[in-house]
């Protein structure tokens, strides 16, 4: 009777220790969500899923554009961009990002009839510059049910040292021919 009781006690203790080990290990491997990695991920999700029909409608439909002092304005597009990308960028970088990068992949996919789908992201923080991150986004692109192709899009992100958690510079490098 004592052996059976000891055996049961050992199984219970072993089970508890196993569960505690699993919880401890998962806690270590999934450290708290890094807000910098989250910001990069959100931006890339918006860039490489779509094309975003609302984004394209607001960008290209002339009914949303007005001319003020000989300059085109699109307040609806600006509002949408602020909602989608604004939480992740400094004000000055948001303007630059929209002018330089934000429309490129969405417009190209829209114009060529491709669908984009973000498959995976690898994000690395610099060992030497703590606010510098590099990424590789694995992007699927497909046209009219053809076989999906994959492009690896590389880039760099510098977070502002004055506005915590805000992207101060965002740039793409090699895109594996995705814009061609």
Protein backbone atom coordinates (compact mmCIF):
# COMPACT_ATOMS: atom_id res chain seq x y z
CA UNK A 1 0.00 0.00 0.00
CA UNK A 2 2.84 2.33 0.87
CA UNK A 3 4.58 1.66 -2.48
CA UNK A 4 1.41 2.45 -4.39
CA UNK A 5 0.95 5.66 -2.44
CA UNK A 6 4.60 6.67 -2.99
CA UNK A 7 4.26 5.89 -6.66
CA UNK A 8 1.12 8.06 -6.98
CA UNK A 9 2.81 10.84 -5.06
CA UNK A 10 5.84 10.65 -7.38
CA UNK A 11 3.62 10.82 -10.47
CA UNK A 12 1.77 13.86 -9.10
CA UNK A 13 5.01 15.63 -8.20
CA UNK A 14 6.54 14.77 -11.58
CA UNK A 15 3.43 16.08 -13.37
CA UNK A 16 3.49 19.33 -11.42
CA UNK A 17 7.20 19.82 -12.08
CA UNK A 18 6.71 19.09 -15.78
CA UNK A 19 3.88 21.63 -16.06
CA UNK A 20 5.91 24.23 -14.18
CA UNK A 21 8.89 23.62 -16.46
CA UNK A 22 6.77 24.02 -19.58
CA UNK A 23 5.26 27.25 -18.26
CA UNK A 24 8.68 28.55 -17.27
CA UNK A 25 10.21 27.69 -20.63
CA UNK A 26 7.37 29.21 -22.61
CA UNK A 27 7.62 32.34 -20.50
CA UNK A 28 11.31 32.61 -21.32
CA UNK A 29 10.96 31.93 -25.02
CA UNK A 30 8.07 34.32 -25.48
CA UNK A 31 9.40 37.38 -23.75
CA UNK A 32 7.15 40.36 -23.40
CA UNK A 33 5.94 41.72 -26.70
CA UNK A 34 8.58 44.11 -28.05
CA UNK A 35 6.75 47.29 -29.14
CA UNK A 36 9.43 48.00 -31.76
CA UNK A 37 9.01 44.61 -33.40
CA UNK A 38 5.24 45.04 -33.19
CA UNK A 39 5.42 48.38 -35.01
CA UNK A 40 7.57 46.91 -37.79
CA UNK A 41 5.23 43.92 -38.11
CA UNK A 42 2.11 46.11 -38.34
CA UNK A 43 3.65 48.30 -41.05
CA UNK A 44 4.73 45.27 -43.08
CA UNK A 45 1.30 43.65 -42.69
CA UNK A 46 -0.28 46.75 -44.22
CA UNK A 47 2.33 46.94 -46.96
CA UNK A 48 2.29 43.30 -48.03
CA UNK A 49 -1.33 42.15 -47.78
CA UNK A 50 -3.65 43.25 -50.48
CA UNK A 51 -3.80 45.34 -52.43
CA UNK A 52 -5.77 47.35 -49.91
CA UNK A 53 -8.83 48.35 -51.92
CA UNK A 54 -9.71 51.34 -49.71
CA UNK A 55 -6.14 52.62 -49.86
CA UNK A 56 -6.13 52.37 -53.65
CA UNK A 57 -9.59 53.95 -54.01
CA UNK A 58 -8.62 56.93 -51.88
CA UNK A 59 -5.27 57.27 -53.65
CA UNK A 60 -6.48 57.15 -57.25
CA UNK A 61 -10.11 58.29 -57.32
CA UNK A 62 -10.12 61.98 -58.32
CA UNK A 63 -13.30 62.65 -56.33
CA UNK A 64 -11.17 62.69 -53.18
CA UNK A 65 -8.66 65.20 -54.54
CA UNK A 66 -9.02 68.96 -54.37
CA UNK A 67 -6.66 71.71 -55.46
CA UNK A 68 -5.81 74.34 -52.87
CA UNK A 69 -3.31 77.09 -53.72
CA UNK A 70 -2.22 75.16 -56.83
CA UNK A 71 -1.46 72.09 -54.73
CA UNK A 72 -3.39 68.82 -54.78
CA UNK A 73 -4.81 67.70 -51.45
CA UNK A 74 -6.51 64.47 -50.56
CA UNK A 75 -7.81 64.80 -47.01
CA UNK A 76 -9.54 61.40 -47.05
CA UNK A 77 -6.36 59.63 -48.11
CA UNK A 78 -4.35 61.56 -45.53
CA UNK A 79 -6.85 60.62 -42.83
CA UNK A 80 -6.76 56.93 -43.80
CA UNK A 81 -2.96 56.88 -43.90
CA UNK A 82 -2.85 58.52 -40.46
CA UNK A 83 -5.19 55.83 -39.09
CA UNK A 84 -3.27 52.93 -40.65
CA UNK A 85 0.36 54.05 -40.35
CA UNK A 86 0.28 57.06 -38.01
CA UNK A 87 0.54 55.15 -34.72
CA UNK A 88 3.93 53.74 -35.77
CA UNK A 89 5.76 56.76 -37.28
CA UNK A 90 6.98 60.16 -36.23
CA UNK A 91 5.07 62.86 -38.10
CA UNK A 92 7.99 63.77 -40.33
CA UNK A 93 8.83 60.15 -41.18
CA UNK A 94 5.19 59.34 -41.91
CA UNK A 95 5.14 62.04 -44.61
CA UNK A 96 8.41 60.75 -46.08
CA UNK A 97 7.32 57.10 -45.86
CA UNK A 98 4.06 57.81 -47.69
CA UNK A 99 5.84 59.81 -50.40
CA UNK A 100 8.68 57.33 -50.87
CA UNK A 101 7.46 53.84 -50.02
CA UNK A 102 3.87 53.35 -48.85
CA UNK A 103 2.23 53.39 -52.25
CA UNK A 104 4.87 51.43 -54.20
CA UNK A 105 4.00 47.79 -53.46
CA UNK A 106 0.26 48.35 -53.12
CA UNK A 107 0.10 50.31 -56.40
CA UNK A 108 2.27 47.82 -58.28
CA UNK A 109 0.13 44.90 -57.14
CA UNK A 110 -3.06 46.80 -58.00
CA UNK A 111 -1.79 47.83 -61.46
CA UNK A 112 -0.58 44.35 -62.40
CA UNK A 113 -3.48 42.38 -60.91
CA UNK A 114 -1.36 40.65 -58.27
CA UNK A 115 -2.39 39.68 -54.77
CA UNK A 116 0.13 40.13 -51.99
CA UNK A 117 0.30 38.08 -48.82
CA UNK A 118 2.82 38.45 -46.04
CA UNK A 119 4.09 34.98 -45.16
CA UNK A 120 6.75 35.56 -42.54
CA UNK A 121 8.93 38.27 -41.03
CA UNK A 122 12.39 38.00 -39.53
CA UNK A 123 13.36 41.02 -37.45
CA UNK A 124 16.82 41.55 -35.97
CA UNK A 125 17.89 44.27 -33.56
CA UNK A 126 21.36 45.70 -34.09
CA UNK A 127 23.95 44.75 -31.49
CA UNK A 128 25.69 48.12 -31.87
CA UNK A 129 22.80 50.56 -32.37
CA UNK A 130 19.89 49.71 -30.08
CA UNK A 131 17.24 51.63 -32.04
CA UNK A 132 18.21 50.05 -35.39
CA UNK A 133 16.35 47.01 -36.68
CA UNK A 134 16.64 45.11 -39.94
CA UNK A 135 13.98 42.86 -41.39
CA UNK A 136 13.32 40.34 -44.10
CA UNK A 137 9.69 40.00 -45.10
CA UNK A 138 8.75 36.86 -47.01
CA UNK A 139 6.00 38.04 -49.39
CA UNK A 140 3.80 35.85 -51.54
CA UNK A 141 2.53 37.31 -54.78
CA UNK A 142 0.12 35.73 -57.20
CA UNK A 143 -1.81 36.71 -60.31
CA UNK A 144 -5.07 35.19 -61.54
CA UNK A 145 -4.67 31.86 -59.78
CA UNK A 146 -1.16 31.29 -61.15
CA UNK A 147 1.36 29.61 -58.93
CA UNK A 148 2.29 31.83 -56.01
CA UNK A 149 5.83 33.17 -56.04
CA UNK A 150 7.80 34.34 -53.03
CA UNK A 151 10.00 37.43 -52.70
CA UNK A 152 12.24 38.28 -49.77
CA UNK A 153 12.04 42.00 -49.08
CA UNK A 154 14.82 43.44 -46.95
CA UNK A 155 14.70 46.68 -45.05
CA UNK A 156 15.93 48.78 -42.19
CA UNK A 157 14.08 50.69 -39.49
CA UNK A 158 15.49 53.29 -37.13
CA UNK A 159 13.33 54.20 -34.18
CA UNK A 160 13.27 57.77 -32.96
CA UNK A 161 15.37 58.51 -29.90
CA UNK A 162 13.04 61.42 -29.05
CA UNK A 163 9.62 59.86 -29.66
CA UNK A 164 9.66 56.47 -27.95
CA UNK A 165 8.31 53.63 -30.04
CA UNK A 166 7.93 55.76 -33.17
CA UNK A 167 9.70 54.93 -36.41
CA UNK A 168 12.11 57.72 -37.32
CA UNK A 169 13.35 56.17 -40.57
CA UNK A 170 12.04 53.29 -42.66
CA UNK A 171 13.62 52.04 -45.85
CA UNK A 172 13.53 49.05 -48.15
CA UNK A 173 16.61 47.46 -49.62
CA UNK A 174 16.64 44.46 -51.93
CA UNK A 175 13.09 43.33 -52.74
CA UNK A 176 13.98 40.23 -54.76
CA UNK A 177 12.43 41.82 -57.87
CA UNK A 178 8.97 42.29 -56.35
CA UNK A 179 8.50 45.77 -57.86
CA UNK A 180 9.49 44.61 -61.34
